[in-house]
Amino acid sequence: MLKIGIIGFGKMGQLRAETLTAIENCEVVAIYDPVLPENLDYPVAGSIDEIIENQEIGAVVISVPNFIVKQTTIAALRNGKHVFCEKPPAMDYADVKEISEVHRETGLTLMYGFNHRRHAAVMKMRELATEGTLGRVLWMRGRYGKSVDAEYLRGWRAKKELAGGGILLDQGIHMLDLFLYVGGQKFDEVQAMVSNLYWKTDGIEDNVFAAMRNTKTGMCAQLHSTMTQWRHLFSLEVFCEKGYMVLNGLKTGSGTYGDEVLTVARNRSKAPAATWQDEEKFSYPVDESWSREAVEFVDVVEHGKVQTHGTIKDAMDVMELIDTIYKNDHHIVSERFEDLQ
């Protein structure tokens, strides 16, 4: 029996508890959160340390505010716990590198919750991109946006010292991870524009525009990550030498991103026509990404299977890219506009 402790029992902690307890021989034996929901089905610990130091617990789920992710992850590893941690992996690349050193010393399982990789449509895109029937990936374009209200500004995510970053670190990180996953390459050239023109929070961006390129292969990608979309949006386009893949919509619990529909074209029409022939559409009405992540985590911990998703390398790669985007435009654009008014 794999006994699990959950640190942070908000929406994500509750979801992880549900998916893990659905797996045979898994039991959530303790949870901790400063503010807990009513009618709990799990034993409550008095502190984070009580879970980390509990020798009966073999694995922990970490779902806490960004500013305590690093210290909690390191403490859990050093206390002999396998760790499943929500994104972001930490506040910045330096933090993740420090975590990686501890992880290497302990040899324990460390998995990060990049569940978008485990959506059925994305798995199909990865399969097509790697099997070669569409040729090599030329470019990708990702748009990921949501709308927030003033309530967002009252939480820890709107404070730079607690969150580390805004919409890019909170949500755009998923799209960047998909660029790396589907494209199969890193980016060594990055241009970016980071702004907070609408919400004007101190150091927390509400929009990011970034263009990336692998200068060796020429593969490019373009990202727009936004919290001023006003209508939730997910769109990932991958264009290859012999066809394209377009994913519009993503199946989520809220249903606000629309249906998860993947369009694939394998044969390009002859120039000068701009149409494509023989499009295929694949629809995925059920989101099984959470359960797929849970099963993989348990398989790695309990059965010694090779971890293929959410590795420390994945975390380091995406955080290095995020740091580069922030570095390449660290000024808040709204401040420049205010100077002109």
C-alpha atoms as a PDB file:
ATOM      1  CA  MET A   1       0.000   0.000   0.000  1.00  0.00           C
ATOM      2  CA  LEU A   2       1.445   3.357  -1.076  1.00  0.00           C
ATOM      3  CA  LYS A   3       0.582   5.828   1.665  1.00  0.00           C
ATOM      4  CA  ILE A   4       0.321   9.406   0.442  1.00  0.00           C
ATOM      5  CA  GLY A   5       0.285  12.796   2.113  1.00  0.00           C
ATOM      6  CA  ILE A   6      -1.100  15.866   0.371  1.00  0.00           C
ATOM      7  CA  ILE A   7       0.334  19.275   1.189  1.00  0.00           C
ATOM      8  CA  GLY A   8      -2.090  21.935  -0.006  1.00  0.00           C
ATOM      9  CA  PHE A   9      -5.704  20.849  -0.279  1.00  0.00           C
ATOM     10  CA  GLY A  10      -7.235  23.430  -2.567  1.00  0.00           C
ATOM     11  CA  LYS A  11      -8.747  22.561  -5.926  1.00  0.00           C
ATOM     12  CA  MET A  12      -5.648  20.778  -7.215  1.00  0.00           C
ATOM     13  CA  GLY A  13      -4.925  18.950  -3.977  1.00  0.00           C
ATOM     14  CA  GLN A  14      -8.465  17.621  -3.910  1.00  0.00           C
ATOM     15  CA  LEU A  15      -8.244  16.539  -7.536  1.00  0.00           C
ATOM     16  CA  ARG A  16      -4.974  14.708  -6.931  1.00  0.00           C
ATOM     17  CA  ALA A  17      -6.437  12.963  -3.895  1.00  0.00           C
ATOM     18  CA  GLU A  18      -9.381  11.769  -5.968  1.00  0.00           C
ATOM     19  CA  THR A  19      -7.253  10.415  -8.834  1.00  0.00           C
ATOM     20  CA  LEU A  20      -4.675   8.741  -6.601  1.00  0.00           C
ATOM     21  CA  THR A  21      -7.181   7.002  -4.325  1.00  0.00           C
ATOM     22  CA  ALA A  22      -8.865   5.585  -7.437  1.00  0.00           C
ATOM     23  CA  ILE A  23      -5.695   3.537  -8.037  1.00  0.00           C
ATOM     24  CA  GLU A  24      -5.484   0.157  -6.353  1.00  0.00           C
ATOM     25  CA  ASN A  25      -3.183  -0.008  -3.315  1.00  0.00           C
ATOM     26  CA  CYS A  26      -3.000   3.791  -2.909  1.00  0.00           C
ATOM     27  CA  GLU A  27      -4.228   5.557   0.213  1.00  0.00           C
ATOM     28  CA  VAL A  28      -4.214   9.208   1.188  1.00  0.00           C
ATOM     29  CA  VAL A  29      -3.408   9.043   4.900  1.00  0.00           C
ATOM     30  CA  ALA A  30      -2.917  12.745   5.690  1.00  0.00           C
ATOM     31  CA  ILE A  31      -3.668  16.161   4.231  1.00  0.00           C
ATOM     32  CA  TYR A  32      -2.665  19.645   5.258  1.00  0.00           C
ATOM     33  CA  ASP A  33      -3.898  23.100   4.312  1.00  0.00           C
ATOM     34  CA  PRO A  34      -4.331  26.250   6.423  1.00  0.00           C
ATOM     35  CA  VAL A  35      -7.898  26.518   5.107  1.00  0.00           C
ATOM     36  CA  LEU A  36      -9.733  23.248   4.650  1.00  0.00           C
ATOM     37  CA  PRO A  37     -13.112  22.476   3.069  1.00  0.00           C
ATOM     38  CA  GLU A  38     -15.905  20.968   5.102  1.00  0.00           C
ATOM     39  CA  ASN A  39     -16.854  17.276   5.210  1.00  0.00           C
ATOM     40  CA  LEU A  40     -13.366  15.889   4.718  1.00  0.00           C
ATOM     41  CA  ASP A  41     -12.827  12.205   3.970  1.00  0.00           C
ATOM     42  CA  TYR A  42      -9.134  12.254   4.880  1.00  0.00           C
ATOM     43  CA  PRO A  43      -7.176  12.569   8.147  1.00  0.00           C
ATOM     44  CA  VAL A  44      -5.851  16.088   8.735  1.00  0.00           C
ATOM     45  CA  ALA A  45      -2.268  16.822   9.744  1.00  0.00           C
ATOM     46  CA  GLY A  46      -1.353  19.795  11.898  1.00  0.00           C
ATOM     47  CA  SER A  47       1.433  21.112   9.679  1.00  0.00           C
ATOM     48  CA  ILE A  48       3.518  20.533   6.570  1.00  0.00           C
ATOM     49  CA  ASP A  49       6.318  19.136   8.716  1.00  0.00           C
ATOM     50  CA  GLU A  50       3.980  16.582  10.269  1.00  0.00           C
ATOM     51  CA  ILE A  51       3.374  15.098   6.820  1.00  0.00           C
ATOM     52  CA  ILE A  52       6.985  15.324   5.658  1.00  0.00           C
ATOM     53  CA  GLU A  53       8.336  13.721   8.846  1.00  0.00           C
ATOM     54  CA  ASN A  54       5.722  10.938   8.951  1.00  0.00           C
ATOM     55  CA  GLN A  55       7.716   7.774   8.296  1.00  0.00           C
ATOM     56  CA  GLU A  56       4.632   5.849   7.198  1.00  0.00           C
ATOM     57  CA  ILE A  57       4.093   8.185   4.267  1.00  0.00           C
ATOM     58  CA  GLY A  58       5.984   7.126   1.155  1.00  0.00           C
ATOM     59  CA  ALA A  59       4.945   9.878  -1.253  1.00  0.00           C
ATOM     60  CA  VAL A  60       3.646  13.429  -1.063  1.00  0.00           C
ATOM     61  CA  VAL A  61       1.704  15.671  -3.397  1.00  0.00           C
ATOM     62  CA  ILE A  62       2.792  19.309  -3.202  1.00  0.00           C
ATOM     63  CA  SER A  63       0.158  21.850  -4.185  1.00  0.00           C
ATOM     64  CA  VAL A  64       1.202  25.036  -2.427  1.00  0.00           C
ATOM     65  CA  PRO A  65       1.801  28.702  -3.346  1.00  0.00           C
ATOM     66  CA  ASN A  66       4.867  29.209  -5.521  1.00  0.00           C
ATOM     67  CA  PHE A  67       7.034  30.872  -2.893  1.00  0.00           C
ATOM     68  CA  ILE A  68       7.197  27.734  -0.707  1.00  0.00           C
ATOM     69  CA  VAL A  69       7.398  25.116  -3.468  1.00  0.00           C
ATOM     70  CA  LYS A  70      11.192  24.832  -3.443  1.00  0.00           C
ATOM     71  CA  GLN A  71      11.629  24.476   0.309  1.00  0.00           C
ATOM     72  CA  THR A  72       8.738  22.009   0.567  1.00  0.00           C
ATOM     73  CA  THR A  73      10.025  19.860  -2.298  1.00  0.00           C
ATOM     74  CA  ILE A  74      13.566  19.754  -0.934  1.00  0.00           C
ATOM     75  CA  ALA A  75      12.367  18.958   2.594  1.00  0.00           C
ATOM     76  CA  ALA A  76      10.177  16.110   1.311  1.00  0.00           C
ATOM     77  CA  LEU A  77      12.997  14.594  -0.734  1.00  0.00           C
ATOM     78  CA  ARG A  78      15.451  14.826   2.140  1.00  0.00           C
ATOM     79  CA  ASN A  79      12.926  13.041   4.355  1.00  0.00           C
ATOM     80  CA  GLY A  80      12.783  10.122   1.953  1.00  0.00           C
ATOM     81  CA  LYS A  81       9.515  10.988   0.224  1.00  0.00           C
ATOM     82  CA  HIS A  82       8.713  10.504  -3.445  1.00  0.00           C
ATOM     83  CA  VAL A  83       7.266  13.798  -4.699  1.00  0.00           C
ATOM     84  CA  PHE A  84       4.551  14.813  -7.113  1.00  0.00           C
ATOM     85  CA  CYS A  85       4.586  18.608  -7.422  1.00  0.00           C
ATOM     86  CA  GLU A  86       2.222  20.925  -9.239  1.00  0.00           C
ATOM     87  CA  LYS A  87       3.553  23.477 -11.704  1.00  0.00           C
ATOM     88  CA  PRO A  88       5.380  25.768 -11.652  1.00  0.00           C
ATOM     89  CA  PRO A  89       8.341  23.733 -10.382  1.00  0.00           C
ATOM     90  CA  ALA A  90       9.578  26.776  -8.438  1.00  0.00           C
ATOM     91  CA  MET A  91       9.915  30.552  -8.739  1.00  0.00           C
ATOM     92  CA  ASP A  92      12.758  30.472 -11.281  1.00  0.00           C
ATOM     93  CA  TYR A  93      15.412  28.339 -12.973  1.00  0.00           C
ATOM     94  CA  ALA A  94      17.941  28.743 -10.148  1.00  0.00           C
ATOM     95  CA  ASP A  95      15.439  27.266  -7.686  1.00  0.00           C
ATOM     96  CA  VAL A  96      14.751  24.280  -9.940  1.00  0.00           C
ATOM     97  CA  LYS A  97      18.470  23.681 -10.396  1.00  0.00           C
ATOM     98  CA  GLU A  98      18.862  23.570  -6.617  1.00  0.00           C
ATOM     99  CA  ILE A  99      15.997  21.087  -6.397  1.00  0.00           C
ATOM    100  CA  SER A 100      17.609  18.953  -9.120  1.00  0.00           C
ATOM    101  CA  GLU A 101      20.797  18.611  -7.075  1.00  0.00           C
ATOM    102  CA  VAL A 102      18.872  17.313  -4.076  1.00  0.00           C
ATOM    103  CA  HIS A 103      16.840  15.024  -6.322  1.00  0.00           C
ATOM    104  CA  ARG A 104      20.011  13.551  -7.791  1.00  0.00           C
ATOM    105  CA  GLU A 105      21.410  12.912  -4.315  1.00  0.00           C
ATOM    106  CA  THR A 106      18.305  11.115  -3.081  1.00  0.00           C
ATOM    107  CA  GLY A 107      17.445   9.081  -6.178  1.00  0.00           C
ATOM    108  CA  LEU A 108      13.742   9.375  -5.350  1.00  0.00           C
ATOM    109  CA  THR A 109      10.903   9.943  -7.806  1.00  0.00           C
ATOM    110  CA  LEU A 110      10.148  13.577  -8.580  1.00  0.00           C
ATOM    111  CA  MET A 111       7.322  14.284 -11.003  1.00  0.00           C
ATOM    112  CA  TYR A 112       5.813  17.613 -12.017  1.00  0.00           C
ATOM    113  CA  GLY A 113       2.188  18.177 -12.964  1.00  0.00           C
ATOM    114  CA  PHE A 114       2.368  19.141 -16.626  1.00  0.00           C
ATOM    115  CA  ASN A 115      -0.944  17.431 -17.304  1.00  0.00           C
ATOM    116  CA  HIS A 116      -1.451  19.075 -20.706  1.00  0.00           C
ATOM    117  CA  ARG A 117       1.000  16.543 -22.134  1.00  0.00           C
ATOM    118  CA  ARG A 118      -1.415  13.811 -21.118  1.00  0.00           C
ATOM    119  CA  HIS A 119      -4.441  15.189 -22.945  1.00  0.00           C
ATOM    120  CA  ALA A 120      -5.414  12.747 -25.685  1.00  0.00           C
ATOM    121  CA  ALA A 121      -5.181  15.329 -28.471  1.00  0.00           C
ATOM    122  CA  VAL A 122      -1.676  16.383 -27.414  1.00  0.00           C
ATOM    123  CA  MET A 123      -0.577  12.750 -27.214  1.00  0.00           C
ATOM    124  CA  LYS A 124      -1.788  12.317 -30.785  1.00  0.00           C
ATOM    125  CA  MET A 125       0.127  15.416 -31.877  1.00  0.00           C
ATOM    126  CA  ARG A 126       3.308  14.131 -30.264  1.00  0.00           C
ATOM    127  CA  GLU A 127       2.857  10.761 -31.970  1.00  0.00           C
ATOM    128  CA  LEU A 128       2.429  12.331 -35.404  1.00  0.00           C
ATOM    129  CA  ALA A 129       5.323  14.735 -34.860  1.00  0.00           C
ATOM    130  CA  THR A 130       7.747  11.969 -33.906  1.00  0.00           C
ATOM    131  CA  GLU A 131       6.745   9.215 -36.330  1.00  0.00           C
ATOM    132  CA  GLY A 132       7.787  11.349 -39.316  1.00  0.00           C
ATOM    133  CA  THR A 133       4.776  11.036 -41.618  1.00  0.00           C
ATOM    134  CA  LEU A 134       4.269  14.815 -41.546  1.00  0.00           C
ATOM    135  CA  GLY A 135       7.949  15.583 -41.912  1.00  0.00           C
ATOM    136  CA  ARG A 136       9.865  17.789 -39.518  1.00  0.00           C
ATOM    137  CA  VAL A 137       8.183  20.518 -37.490  1.00  0.00           C
ATOM    138  CA  LEU A 138       8.701  23.951 -39.076  1.00  0.00           C
ATOM    139  CA  TRP A 139       6.826  26.194 -36.683  1.00  0.00           C
ATOM    140  CA  MET A 140       4.318  26.273 -33.863  1.00  0.00           C
ATOM    141  CA  ARG A 141       1.911  28.876 -32.590  1.00  0.00           C
ATOM    142  CA  GLY A 142       0.210  28.781 -29.217  1.00  0.00           C
ATOM    143  CA  ARG A 143      -2.463  30.997 -27.719  1.00  0.00           C
ATOM    144  CA  TYR A 144      -3.573  30.396 -24.171  1.00  0.00           C
ATOM    145  CA  GLY A 145      -5.800  32.931 -22.493  1.00  0.00           C
ATOM    146  CA  LYS A 146      -8.271  33.352 -19.697  1.00  0.00           C
ATOM    147  CA  SER A 147     -10.219  36.113 -18.037  1.00  0.00           C
ATOM    148  CA  VAL A 148      -9.737  37.027 -14.398  1.00  0.00           C
ATOM    149  CA  ASP A 149     -11.616  39.482 -12.207  1.00  0.00           C
ATOM    150  CA  ALA A 150     -10.695  41.788  -9.352  1.00  0.00           C
ATOM    151  CA  GLU A 151     -10.872  38.856  -6.928  1.00  0.00           C
ATOM    152  CA  TYR A 152      -7.691  37.559  -8.560  1.00  0.00           C
ATOM    153  CA  LEU A 153      -5.840  40.642  -7.307  1.00  0.00           C
ATOM    154  CA  ARG A 154      -6.574  39.719  -3.692  1.00  0.00           C
ATOM    155  CA  GLY A 155      -4.826  36.360  -3.865  1.00  0.00           C
ATOM    156  CA  TRP A 156      -1.163  35.387  -3.653  1.00  0.00           C
ATOM    157  CA  ARG A 157      -0.913  34.947  -7.445  1.00  0.00           C
ATOM    158  CA  ALA A 158      -1.099  38.718  -7.879  1.00  0.00           C
ATOM    159  CA  LYS A 159       1.911  39.388  -5.638  1.00  0.00           C
ATOM    160  CA  LYS A 160       5.365  39.153  -7.232  1.00  0.00           C
ATOM    161  CA  GLU A 161       7.112  38.099  -4.033  1.00  0.00           C
ATOM    162  CA  LEU A 162       4.685  35.191  -3.580  1.00  0.00           C
ATOM    163  CA  ALA A 163       4.058  34.124  -7.191  1.00  0.00           C
ATOM    164  CA  GLY A 164       7.336  34.923  -8.941  1.00  0.00           C
ATOM    165  CA  GLY A 165       5.524  35.907 -12.123  1.00  0.00           C
ATOM    166  CA  GLY A 166       2.132  36.443 -13.699  1.00  0.00           C
ATOM    167  CA  ILE A 167       0.173  34.729 -16.444  1.00  0.00           C
ATOM    168  CA  LEU A 168       3.267  33.235 -18.096  1.00  0.00           C
ATOM    169  CA  LEU A 169       4.343  31.362 -14.986  1.00  0.00           C
ATOM    170  CA  ASP A 170       0.771  30.556 -13.996  1.00  0.00           C
ATOM    171  CA  GLN A 171      -0.659  29.312 -17.295  1.00  0.00           C
ATOM    172  CA  GLY A 172       1.643  30.038 -20.237  1.00  0.00           C
ATOM    173  CA  ILE A 173       4.111  27.543 -18.788  1.00  0.00           C
ATOM    174  CA  HIS A 174       1.850  24.768 -20.084  1.00  0.00           C
ATOM    175  CA  MET A 175       2.064  26.027 -23.670  1.00  0.00           C
ATOM    176  CA  LEU A 176       5.831  26.429 -23.492  1.00  0.00           C
ATOM    177  CA  ASP A 177       6.087  22.876 -22.191  1.00  0.00           C
ATOM    178  CA  LEU A 178       4.007  21.674 -25.139  1.00  0.00           C
ATOM    179  CA  PHE A 179       6.314  23.493 -27.572  1.00  0.00           C
ATOM    180  CA  LEU A 180       9.245  21.596 -26.090  1.00  0.00           C
ATOM    181  CA  TYR A 181       7.320  18.314 -25.979  1.00  0.00           C
ATOM    182  CA  VAL A 182       5.750  18.298 -29.440  1.00  0.00           C
ATOM    183  CA  GLY A 183       8.590  20.120 -31.185  1.00  0.00           C
ATOM    184  CA  GLY A 184      11.216  17.989 -29.501  1.00  0.00           C
ATOM    185  CA  GLN A 185      13.758  20.830 -29.455  1.00  0.00           C
ATOM    186  CA  LYS A 186      14.877  23.646 -27.183  1.00  0.00           C
ATOM    187  CA  PHE A 187      15.055  27.301 -28.208  1.00  0.00           C
ATOM    188  CA  ASP A 188      18.243  29.326 -28.017  1.00  0.00           C
ATOM    189  CA  GLU A 189      16.906  32.578 -29.502  1.00  0.00           C
ATOM    190  CA  VAL A 190      14.031  34.375 -27.749  1.00  0.00           C
ATOM    191  CA  GLN A 191      12.358  37.736 -28.239  1.00  0.00           C
ATOM    192  CA  ALA A 192       9.614  38.869 -25.881  1.00  0.00           C
ATOM    193  CA  MET A 193       7.245  41.635 -24.874  1.00  0.00           C
ATOM    194  CA  VAL A 194       5.835  41.494 -21.354  1.00  0.00           C
ATOM    195  CA  SER A 195       3.125  43.896 -20.177  1.00  0.00           C
ATOM    196  CA  ASN A 196       0.531  44.643 -17.526  1.00  0.00           C
ATOM    197  CA  LEU A 197      -1.453  47.288 -19.357  1.00  0.00           C
ATOM    198  CA  TYR A 198      -4.811  46.387 -17.858  1.00  0.00           C
ATOM    199  CA  TRP A 199      -4.465  45.022 -14.315  1.00  0.00           C
ATOM    200  CA  LYS A 200      -1.332  47.055 -13.527  1.00  0.00           C
ATOM    201  CA  THR A 201      -0.235  44.798 -10.685  1.00  0.00           C
ATOM    202  CA  ASP A 202       3.219  45.328  -9.244  1.00  0.00           C
ATOM    203  CA  GLY A 203       5.570  43.123 -11.259  1.00  0.00           C
ATOM    204  CA  ILE A 204       2.885  40.645 -12.350  1.00  0.00           C
ATOM    205  CA  GLU A 205       2.264  40.601 -16.093  1.00  0.00           C
ATOM    206  CA  ASP A 206      -1.150  40.132 -17.675  1.00  0.00           C
ATOM    207  CA  ASN A 207       0.151  39.527 -21.221  1.00  0.00           C
ATOM    208  CA  VAL A 208       3.232  37.983 -22.784  1.00  0.00           C
ATOM    209  CA  PHE A 209       4.123  37.853 -26.459  1.00  0.00           C
ATOM    210  CA  ALA A 210       7.174  35.719 -27.221  1.00  0.00           C
ATOM    211  CA  ALA A 211       8.901  34.475 -30.372  1.00  0.00           C
ATOM    212  CA  MET A 212      11.421  31.631 -30.183  1.00  0.00           C
ATOM    213  CA  ARG A 213      13.772  29.847 -32.556  1.00  0.00           C
ATOM    214  CA  ASN A 214      16.163  26.930 -32.535  1.00  0.00           C
ATOM    215  CA  THR A 215      18.989  28.487 -34.539  1.00  0.00           C
ATOM    216  CA  LYS A 216      20.428  25.105 -35.513  1.00  0.00           C
ATOM    217  CA  THR A 217      17.267  23.638 -37.066  1.00  0.00           C
ATOM    218  CA  GLY A 218      15.342  26.850 -37.737  1.00  0.00           C
ATOM    219  CA  MET A 219      12.202  25.630 -35.957  1.00  0.00           C
ATOM    220  CA  CYS A 220      10.232  28.606 -34.620  1.00  0.00           C
ATOM    221  CA  ALA A 221       7.420  29.076 -32.136  1.00  0.00           C
ATOM    222  CA  GLN A 222       5.198  31.956 -31.160  1.00  0.00           C
ATOM    223  CA  LEU A 223       3.332  32.334 -27.864  1.00  0.00           C
ATOM    224  CA  HIS A 224       0.615  34.637 -26.599  1.00  0.00           C
ATOM    225  CA  SER A 225      -0.170  34.095 -22.924  1.00  0.00           C
ATOM    226  CA  THR A 226      -2.880  36.372 -21.536  1.00  0.00           C
ATOM    227  CA  MET A 227      -5.263  37.003 -18.671  1.00  0.00           C
ATOM    228  CA  THR A 228      -7.186  39.626 -20.657  1.00  0.00           C
ATOM    229  CA  GLN A 229      -8.678  37.216 -23.184  1.00  0.00           C
ATOM    230  CA  TRP A 230     -12.159  37.848 -21.678  1.00  0.00           C
ATOM    231  CA  ARG A 231     -13.175  34.496 -23.093  1.00  0.00           C
ATOM    232  CA  HIS A 232     -11.077  31.443 -22.241  1.00  0.00           C
ATOM    233  CA  LEU A 233      -9.049  30.207 -25.203  1.00  0.00           C
ATOM    234  CA  PHE A 234      -6.686  27.348 -26.007  1.00  0.00           C
ATOM    235  CA  SER A 235      -5.148  26.943 -29.450  1.00  0.00           C
ATOM    236  CA  LEU A 236      -2.022  25.027 -30.479  1.00  0.00           C
ATOM    237  CA  GLU A 237      -0.945  24.902 -34.132  1.00  0.00           C
ATOM    238  CA  VAL A 238       1.928  22.748 -35.391  1.00  0.00           C
ATOM    239  CA  PHE A 239       2.928  23.087 -39.035  1.00  0.00           C
ATOM    240  CA  CYS A 240       5.242  20.551 -40.614  1.00  0.00           C
ATOM    241  CA  GLU A 241       6.806  19.912 -44.011  1.00  0.00           C
ATOM    242  CA  LYS A 242       4.030  17.578 -45.156  1.00  0.00           C
ATOM    243  CA  GLY A 243       1.003  18.709 -43.226  1.00  0.00           C
ATOM    244  CA  TYR A 244      -0.298  20.360 -40.101  1.00  0.00           C
ATOM    245  CA  MET A 245      -2.002  19.751 -36.776  1.00  0.00           C
ATOM    246  CA  VAL A 246      -4.354  22.279 -35.190  1.00  0.00           C
ATOM    247  CA  LEU A 247      -5.793  21.767 -31.729  1.00  0.00           C
ATOM    248  CA  ASN A 248      -8.562  24.174 -30.808  1.00  0.00           C
ATOM    249  CA  GLY A 249     -10.123  23.767 -27.395  1.00  0.00           C
ATOM    250  CA  LEU A 250      -9.120  21.703 -24.396  1.00  0.00           C
ATOM    251  CA  LYS A 251     -11.342  19.435 -22.353  1.00  0.00           C
ATOM    252  CA  THR A 252     -11.317  20.658 -18.764  1.00  0.00           C
ATOM    253  CA  GLY A 253     -13.499  20.316 -15.707  1.00  0.00           C
ATOM    254  CA  SER A 254     -14.842  23.828 -16.132  1.00  0.00           C
ATOM    255  CA  GLY A 255     -15.643  23.335 -19.808  1.00  0.00           C
ATOM    256  CA  THR A 256     -14.650  26.950 -20.508  1.00  0.00           C
ATOM    257  CA  TYR A 257     -12.011  26.161 -23.121  1.00  0.00           C
ATOM    258  CA  GLY A 258     -14.431  24.417 -25.476  1.00  0.00           C
ATOM    259  CA  ASP A 259     -14.396  20.958 -26.995  1.00  0.00           C
ATOM    260  CA  GLU A 260     -11.023  19.302 -27.535  1.00  0.00           C
ATOM    261  CA  VAL A 261     -10.874  18.907 -31.320  1.00  0.00           C
ATOM    262  CA  LEU A 262      -7.726  18.120 -33.288  1.00  0.00           C
ATOM    263  CA  THR A 263      -7.588  18.736 -37.045  1.00  0.00           C
ATOM    264  CA  VAL A 264      -4.881  16.969 -39.068  1.00  0.00           C
ATOM    265  CA  ALA A 265      -4.037  17.412 -42.738  1.00  0.00           C
ATOM    266  CA  ARG A 266      -1.512  15.047 -44.300  1.00  0.00           C
ATOM    267  CA  ASN A 267      -1.493  16.224 -47.929  1.00  0.00           C
ATOM    268  CA  ARG A 268      -0.985  19.780 -49.047  1.00  0.00           C
ATOM    269  CA  SER A 269      -2.875  21.061 -52.063  1.00  0.00           C
ATOM    270  CA  LYS A 270      -0.947  22.362 -55.043  1.00  0.00           C
ATOM    271  CA  ALA A 271      -0.062  26.040 -55.321  1.00  0.00           C
ATOM    272  CA  PRO A 272      -1.483  28.594 -55.780  1.00  0.00           C
ATOM    273  CA  ALA A 273      -4.540  27.178 -54.014  1.00  0.00           C
ATOM    274  CA  ALA A 274      -4.566  27.922 -50.284  1.00  0.00           C
ATOM    275  CA  THR A 275      -6.877  25.077 -49.268  1.00  0.00           C
ATOM    276  CA  TRP A 276      -5.904  21.734 -47.783  1.00  0.00           C
ATOM    277  CA  GLN A 277      -7.332  18.374 -48.732  1.00  0.00           C
ATOM    278  CA  ASP A 278      -8.261  15.295 -46.752  1.00  0.00           C
ATOM    279  CA  GLU A 279      -8.519  16.872 -43.334  1.00  0.00           C
ATOM    280  CA  GLU A 280      -9.208  14.534 -40.431  1.00  0.00           C
ATOM    281  CA  LYS A 281     -10.852  15.616 -37.214  1.00  0.00           C
ATOM    282  CA  PHE A 282     -10.374  13.879 -33.897  1.00  0.00           C
ATOM    283  CA  SER A 283     -12.599  14.728 -30.936  1.00  0.00           C
ATOM    284  CA  TYR A 284     -11.787  13.871 -27.334  1.00  0.00           C
ATOM    285  CA  PRO A 285     -14.836  14.321 -25.074  1.00  0.00           C
ATOM    286  CA  VAL A 286     -13.237  13.085 -21.827  1.00  0.00           C
ATOM    287  CA  ASP A 287     -10.258  14.523 -19.965  1.00  0.00           C
ATOM    288  CA  GLU A 288      -8.158  11.637 -18.681  1.00  0.00           C
ATOM    289  CA  SER A 289      -4.952  13.652 -18.221  1.00  0.00           C
ATOM    290  CA  TRP A 290      -5.162  13.710 -14.431  1.00  0.00           C
ATOM    291  CA  SER A 291      -5.633   9.971 -14.084  1.00  0.00           C
ATOM    292  CA  ARG A 292      -2.855   9.271 -16.607  1.00  0.00           C
ATOM    293  CA  GLU A 293      -0.456  11.364 -14.519  1.00  0.00           C
ATOM    294  CA  ALA A 294      -1.491   9.610 -11.323  1.00  0.00           C
ATOM    295  CA  VAL A 295      -1.049   6.163 -12.840  1.00  0.00           C
ATOM    296  CA  GLU A 296       2.397   7.028 -14.195  1.00  0.00           C
ATOM    297  CA  PHE A 297       3.517   8.428 -10.840  1.00  0.00           C
ATOM    298  CA  VAL A 298       2.443   5.278  -9.003  1.00  0.00           C
ATOM    299  CA  ASP A 299       3.966   3.023 -11.676  1.00  0.00           C
ATOM    300  CA  VAL A 300       7.308   4.795 -11.306  1.00  0.00           C
ATOM    301  CA  VAL A 301       7.240   4.737  -7.500  1.00  0.00           C
ATOM    302  CA  GLU A 302       5.823   1.268  -6.943  1.00  0.00           C
ATOM    303  CA  HIS A 303       6.854  -0.683 -10.011  1.00  0.00           C
ATOM    304  CA  GLY A 304      10.107   0.951 -11.081  1.00  0.00           C
ATOM    305  CA  LYS A 305       8.845   2.003 -14.486  1.00  0.00           C
ATOM    306  CA  VAL A 306      10.755   4.672 -16.399  1.00  0.00           C
ATOM    307  CA  GLN A 307       9.360   8.170 -15.913  1.00  0.00           C
ATOM    308  CA  THR A 308       8.522   9.761 -19.270  1.00  0.00           C
ATOM    309  CA  HIS A 309       6.673  12.943 -18.310  1.00  0.00           C
ATOM    310  CA  GLY A 310       7.120  15.771 -15.867  1.00  0.00           C
ATOM    311  CA  THR A 311      10.787  14.958 -15.220  1.00  0.00           C
ATOM    312  CA  ILE A 312      13.236  17.280 -13.522  1.00  0.00           C
ATOM    313  CA  LYS A 313      14.791  17.846 -16.960  1.00  0.00           C
ATOM    314  CA  ASP A 314      11.397  18.910 -18.332  1.00  0.00           C
ATOM    315  CA  ALA A 315      11.073  21.309 -15.404  1.00  0.00           C
ATOM    316  CA  MET A 316      14.530  22.770 -15.917  1.00  0.00           C
ATOM    317  CA  ASP A 317      14.030  23.204 -19.665  1.00  0.00           C
ATOM    318  CA  VAL A 318      10.738  25.079 -19.358  1.00  0.00           C
ATOM    319  CA  MET A 319      11.901  27.228 -16.437  1.00  0.00           C
ATOM    320  CA  GLU A 320      15.060  28.173 -18.315  1.00  0.00           C
ATOM    321  CA  LEU A 321      12.856  29.301 -21.199  1.00  0.00           C
ATOM    322  CA  ILE A 322      10.572  31.280 -18.879  1.00  0.00           C
ATOM    323  CA  ASP A 323      13.536  33.023 -17.270  1.00  0.00           C
ATOM    324  CA  THR A 324      14.807  33.959 -20.727  1.00  0.00           C
ATOM    325  CA  ILE A 325      11.440  35.433 -21.737  1.00  0.00           C
ATOM    326  CA  TYR A 326      11.270  37.543 -18.591  1.00  0.00           C
ATOM    327  CA  LYS A 327      14.882  38.617 -18.978  1.00  0.00           C
ATOM    328  CA  ASN A 328      14.412  39.679 -22.583  1.00  0.00           C
ATOM    329  CA  ASP A 329      11.697  42.136 -21.616  1.00  0.00           C
ATOM    330  CA  HIS A 330      11.828  42.783 -17.890  1.00  0.00           C
ATOM    331  CA  HIS A 331      10.288  46.253 -18.127  1.00  0.00           C
ATOM    332  CA  ILE A 332       6.574  46.669 -17.503  1.00  0.00           C
ATOM    333  CA  VAL A 333       5.145  48.261 -20.635  1.00  0.00           C
ATOM    334  CA  SER A 334       2.368  50.132 -18.832  1.00  0.00           C
ATOM    335  CA  GLU A 335       4.971  52.212 -17.013  1.00  0.00           C
ATOM    336  CA  ARG A 336       6.339  53.388 -20.347  1.00  0.00           C
ATOM    337  CA  PHE A 337       2.896  54.417 -21.546  1.00  0.00           C
ATOM    338  CA  GLU A 338       2.186  56.295 -18.337  1.00  0.00           C
ATOM    339  CA  ASP A 339       5.331  58.341 -18.934  1.00  0.00           C
ATOM    340  CA  LEU A 340       3.855  59.489 -22.244  1.00  0.00           C
ATOM    341  CA  GLN A 341       0.470  60.539 -20.863  1.00  0.00           C
END
